[in-house]
């Protein structure tokens, strides 16, 4: 897709409604997703299966539906930044409304790299200090 802003707008419209299908459809099979830092949520995930099993399944187990609302989308060639916030509640009833910046790299109409920046202290406090492996 030549209009990456349109693609990201479609993705985040879906995510705002708790629907991640457009997001997952845009991921390259060999995508690399990084969460920088030293928290239990920090790490690197390689490939769609790894992301699904080690990151998304554990997140859905804690949050149920995941809602993410875009505040700003900036696109520059093969790169894009999306600033967004969550509107989420854990399955135990605790609010989890983190703020994020995702830095995307595209190859054609596929996302091949994500660098995720967030409040990792909030993630550890609400979702578990050991990150996605916590409680598994």
C-alpha atoms as a PDB file:
ATOM      1  CA  UNK A   1       0.000   0.000   0.000  1.00  0.00           C
ATOM      2  CA  UNK A   2       1.508   3.293  -1.000  1.00  0.00           C
ATOM      3  CA  UNK A   3      -0.500   5.267   1.548  1.00  0.00           C
ATOM      4  CA  UNK A   4       0.864   4.072   4.862  1.00  0.00           C
ATOM      5  CA  UNK A   5      -1.048   6.759   6.749  1.00  0.00           C
ATOM      6  CA  UNK A   6      -4.308   5.294   5.445  1.00  0.00           C
ATOM      7  CA  UNK A   7      -3.197   1.794   6.425  1.00  0.00           C
ATOM      8  CA  UNK A   8      -2.237   2.901   9.950  1.00  0.00           C
ATOM      9  CA  UNK A   9      -5.502   4.840  10.291  1.00  0.00           C
ATOM     10  CA  UNK A  10      -7.423   1.692   9.338  1.00  0.00           C
ATOM     11  CA  UNK A  11      -5.361  -0.385  11.776  1.00  0.00           C
ATOM     12  CA  UNK A  12      -5.896   2.007  14.677  1.00  0.00           C
ATOM     13  CA  UNK A  13      -9.601   2.490  13.911  1.00  0.00           C
ATOM     14  CA  UNK A  14      -9.889  -1.260  14.350  1.00  0.00           C
ATOM     15  CA  UNK A  15      -7.728  -1.300  17.487  1.00  0.00           C
ATOM     16  CA  UNK A  16      -9.832   1.489  19.024  1.00  0.00           C
ATOM     17  CA  UNK A  17     -12.820  -0.842  18.662  1.00  0.00           C
ATOM     18  CA  UNK A  18     -10.909  -3.823  20.076  1.00  0.00           C
ATOM     19  CA  UNK A  19     -10.457  -5.421  16.638  1.00  0.00           C
ATOM     20  CA  UNK A  20      -6.865  -6.347  15.806  1.00  0.00           C
ATOM     21  CA  UNK A  21      -7.500  -8.113  12.488  1.00  0.00           C
ATOM     22  CA  UNK A  22      -6.228  -5.283  10.244  1.00  0.00           C
ATOM     23  CA  UNK A  23      -3.141  -4.929  12.450  1.00  0.00           C
ATOM     24  CA  UNK A  24      -2.361  -8.638  12.330  1.00  0.00           C
ATOM     25  CA  UNK A  25      -2.998  -8.766   8.561  1.00  0.00           C
ATOM     26  CA  UNK A  26      -0.397  -6.019   7.999  1.00  0.00           C
ATOM     27  CA  UNK A  27       2.394  -7.843   9.849  1.00  0.00           C
ATOM     28  CA  UNK A  28       5.120  -9.443   7.778  1.00  0.00           C
ATOM     29  CA  UNK A  29       5.657 -13.120   8.625  1.00  0.00           C
ATOM     30  CA  UNK A  30       9.240 -12.324   9.620  1.00  0.00           C
ATOM     31  CA  UNK A  31       8.473  -9.154  11.592  1.00  0.00           C
ATOM     32  CA  UNK A  32      10.690  -8.119  14.501  1.00  0.00           C
ATOM     33  CA  UNK A  33       8.938  -6.441  17.472  1.00  0.00           C
ATOM     34  CA  UNK A  34      11.144  -4.903  20.142  1.00  0.00           C
ATOM     35  CA  UNK A  35      10.284  -3.471  23.542  1.00  0.00           C
ATOM     36  CA  UNK A  36      13.466  -1.684  24.675  1.00  0.00           C
ATOM     37  CA  UNK A  37      14.487  -1.514  28.301  1.00  0.00           C
ATOM     38  CA  UNK A  38      15.135  -3.838  31.200  1.00  0.00           C
ATOM     39  CA  UNK A  39      11.646  -4.600  32.495  1.00  0.00           C
ATOM     40  CA  UNK A  40       9.929  -7.962  32.379  1.00  0.00           C
ATOM     41  CA  UNK A  41       8.033  -6.628  29.344  1.00  0.00           C
ATOM     42  CA  UNK A  42      11.208  -5.699  27.486  1.00  0.00           C
ATOM     43  CA  UNK A  43      12.501  -8.024  24.834  1.00  0.00           C
ATOM     44  CA  UNK A  44      12.465  -8.992  21.201  1.00  0.00           C
ATOM     45  CA  UNK A  45       9.860 -11.066  19.393  1.00  0.00           C
ATOM     46  CA  UNK A  46      10.603 -12.533  15.959  1.00  0.00           C
ATOM     47  CA  UNK A  47       7.908 -13.608  13.554  1.00  0.00           C
ATOM     48  CA  UNK A  48       4.126 -13.594  13.733  1.00  0.00           C
ATOM     49  CA  UNK A  49       3.901 -16.912  15.619  1.00  0.00           C
ATOM     50  CA  UNK A  50       6.367 -15.748  18.286  1.00  0.00           C
ATOM     51  CA  UNK A  51       4.517 -12.436  18.714  1.00  0.00           C
ATOM     52  CA  UNK A  52       1.178 -14.195  18.994  1.00  0.00           C
ATOM     53  CA  UNK A  53       2.335 -16.865  21.453  1.00  0.00           C
ATOM     54  CA  UNK A  54       4.735 -14.915  23.671  1.00  0.00           C
ATOM     55  CA  UNK A  55       3.137 -11.437  23.620  1.00  0.00           C
ATOM     56  CA  UNK A  56      -0.452 -11.222  22.357  1.00  0.00           C
ATOM     57  CA  UNK A  57      -1.900 -14.357  23.971  1.00  0.00           C
ATOM     58  CA  UNK A  58      -0.537 -13.402  27.424  1.00  0.00           C
ATOM     59  CA  UNK A  59      -1.802  -9.816  26.981  1.00  0.00           C
ATOM     60  CA  UNK A  60      -5.293 -10.995  26.021  1.00  0.00           C
ATOM     61  CA  UNK A  61      -5.294 -13.331  29.031  1.00  0.00           C
ATOM     62  CA  UNK A  62      -4.753 -10.311  31.287  1.00  0.00           C
ATOM     63  CA  UNK A  63      -6.833  -7.718  29.443  1.00  0.00           C
ATOM     64  CA  UNK A  64      -9.454  -9.579  27.427  1.00  0.00           C
ATOM     65  CA  UNK A  65     -10.200  -7.005  24.731  1.00  0.00           C
ATOM     66  CA  UNK A  66      -7.308  -4.669  23.955  1.00  0.00           C
ATOM     67  CA  UNK A  67      -8.265  -1.143  22.878  1.00  0.00           C
ATOM     68  CA  UNK A  68      -5.666   1.304  21.513  1.00  0.00           C
ATOM     69  CA  UNK A  69      -6.577   4.822  20.368  1.00  0.00           C
ATOM     70  CA  UNK A  70      -4.249   6.764  18.038  1.00  0.00           C
ATOM     71  CA  UNK A  71      -3.444  10.340  19.036  1.00  0.00           C
ATOM     72  CA  UNK A  72      -0.931  11.123  16.262  1.00  0.00           C
ATOM     73  CA  UNK A  73       0.337   9.379  13.139  1.00  0.00           C
ATOM     74  CA  UNK A  74       3.514  10.593  11.425  1.00  0.00           C
ATOM     75  CA  UNK A  75       4.749   8.929   8.240  1.00  0.00           C
ATOM     76  CA  UNK A  76       8.102   9.450   6.556  1.00  0.00           C
ATOM     77  CA  UNK A  77       8.804   7.062   3.686  1.00  0.00           C
ATOM     78  CA  UNK A  78       9.244   3.508   4.986  1.00  0.00           C
ATOM     79  CA  UNK A  79       8.971   4.666   8.601  1.00  0.00           C
ATOM     80  CA  UNK A  80       6.049   5.800  10.717  1.00  0.00           C
ATOM     81  CA  UNK A  81       5.451   6.779  14.327  1.00  0.00           C
ATOM     82  CA  UNK A  82       2.120   6.365  16.070  1.00  0.00           C
ATOM     83  CA  UNK A  83       1.521   7.940  19.453  1.00  0.00           C
ATOM     84  CA  UNK A  84      -1.471   6.296  21.127  1.00  0.00           C
ATOM     85  CA  UNK A  85      -3.073   5.408  24.413  1.00  0.00           C
ATOM     86  CA  UNK A  86      -4.809   2.362  25.764  1.00  0.00           C
ATOM     87  CA  UNK A  87      -8.331   2.246  27.137  1.00  0.00           C
ATOM     88  CA  UNK A  88      -8.168  -1.061  28.950  1.00  0.00           C
ATOM     89  CA  UNK A  89      -9.171  -2.897  32.069  1.00  0.00           C
ATOM     90  CA  UNK A  90      -7.618  -6.097  33.334  1.00  0.00           C
ATOM     91  CA  UNK A  91      -9.782  -9.173  33.719  1.00  0.00           C
ATOM     92  CA  UNK A  92      -9.477  -8.485  37.477  1.00  0.00           C
ATOM     93  CA  UNK A  93     -10.997  -5.027  37.069  1.00  0.00           C
ATOM     94  CA  UNK A  94      -7.877  -2.825  37.349  1.00  0.00           C
ATOM     95  CA  UNK A  95      -7.460   0.038  34.851  1.00  0.00           C
ATOM     96  CA  UNK A  96      -4.549  -0.214  32.431  1.00  0.00           C
ATOM     97  CA  UNK A  97      -4.362   2.943  30.345  1.00  0.00           C
ATOM     98  CA  UNK A  98      -0.751   3.108  29.226  1.00  0.00           C
ATOM     99  CA  UNK A  99       0.627   5.587  26.668  1.00  0.00           C
ATOM    100  CA  UNK A 100       2.759   4.369  23.769  1.00  0.00           C
ATOM    101  CA  UNK A 101       4.809   5.299  20.765  1.00  0.00           C
ATOM    102  CA  UNK A 102       5.264   2.602  18.134  1.00  0.00           C
ATOM    103  CA  UNK A 103       7.957   3.168  15.541  1.00  0.00           C
ATOM    104  CA  UNK A 104       7.076   1.152  12.440  1.00  0.00           C
ATOM    105  CA  UNK A 105       9.237   0.177   9.492  1.00  0.00           C
ATOM    106  CA  UNK A 106       7.510  -0.963   6.321  1.00  0.00           C
ATOM    107  CA  UNK A 107       8.496  -3.033   3.320  1.00  0.00           C
ATOM    108  CA  UNK A 108       5.777  -2.441   0.744  1.00  0.00           C
ATOM    109  CA  UNK A 109       2.445  -2.702   2.528  1.00  0.00           C
ATOM    110  CA  UNK A 110       3.768  -4.934   5.322  1.00  0.00           C
ATOM    111  CA  UNK A 111       5.079  -3.970   8.739  1.00  0.00           C
ATOM    112  CA  UNK A 112       8.515  -5.551   9.134  1.00  0.00           C
ATOM    113  CA  UNK A 113       9.634  -3.900  12.371  1.00  0.00           C
ATOM    114  CA  UNK A 114       8.043  -2.360  15.463  1.00  0.00           C
ATOM    115  CA  UNK A 115       9.891  -0.615  18.273  1.00  0.00           C
ATOM    116  CA  UNK A 116       7.452  -0.127  21.146  1.00  0.00           C
ATOM    117  CA  UNK A 117       7.980   2.568  23.770  1.00  0.00           C
ATOM    118  CA  UNK A 118       5.735   2.631  26.844  1.00  0.00           C
ATOM    119  CA  UNK A 119       5.648   3.124  30.594  1.00  0.00           C
ATOM    120  CA  UNK A 120       7.154  -0.237  31.518  1.00  0.00           C
ATOM    121  CA  UNK A 121       6.809   0.487  35.254  1.00  0.00           C
ATOM    122  CA  UNK A 122       3.031   0.768  34.780  1.00  0.00           C
ATOM    123  CA  UNK A 123       3.011  -2.447  32.736  1.00  0.00           C
ATOM    124  CA  UNK A 124       4.909  -4.280  35.484  1.00  0.00           C
ATOM    125  CA  UNK A 125       2.697  -2.881  38.251  1.00  0.00           C
ATOM    126  CA  UNK A 126      -0.615  -3.703  36.572  1.00  0.00           C
ATOM    127  CA  UNK A 127       0.166  -6.622  34.263  1.00  0.00           C
ATOM    128  CA  UNK A 128       2.938  -8.396  36.161  1.00  0.00           C
ATOM    129  CA  UNK A 129       6.596  -7.767  36.896  1.00  0.00           C
ATOM    130  CA  UNK A 130       7.762 -10.801  34.934  1.00  0.00           C
ATOM    131  CA  UNK A 131       6.159  -9.539  31.742  1.00  0.00           C
ATOM    132  CA  UNK A 132       4.351 -11.838  29.346  1.00  0.00           C
ATOM    133  CA  UNK A 133       5.774 -14.946  31.053  1.00  0.00           C
ATOM    134  CA  UNK A 134       4.289 -13.881  34.416  1.00  0.00           C
ATOM    135  CA  UNK A 135       1.406 -16.118  35.341  1.00  0.00           C
ATOM    136  CA  UNK A 136       1.876 -18.474  32.411  1.00  0.00           C
END
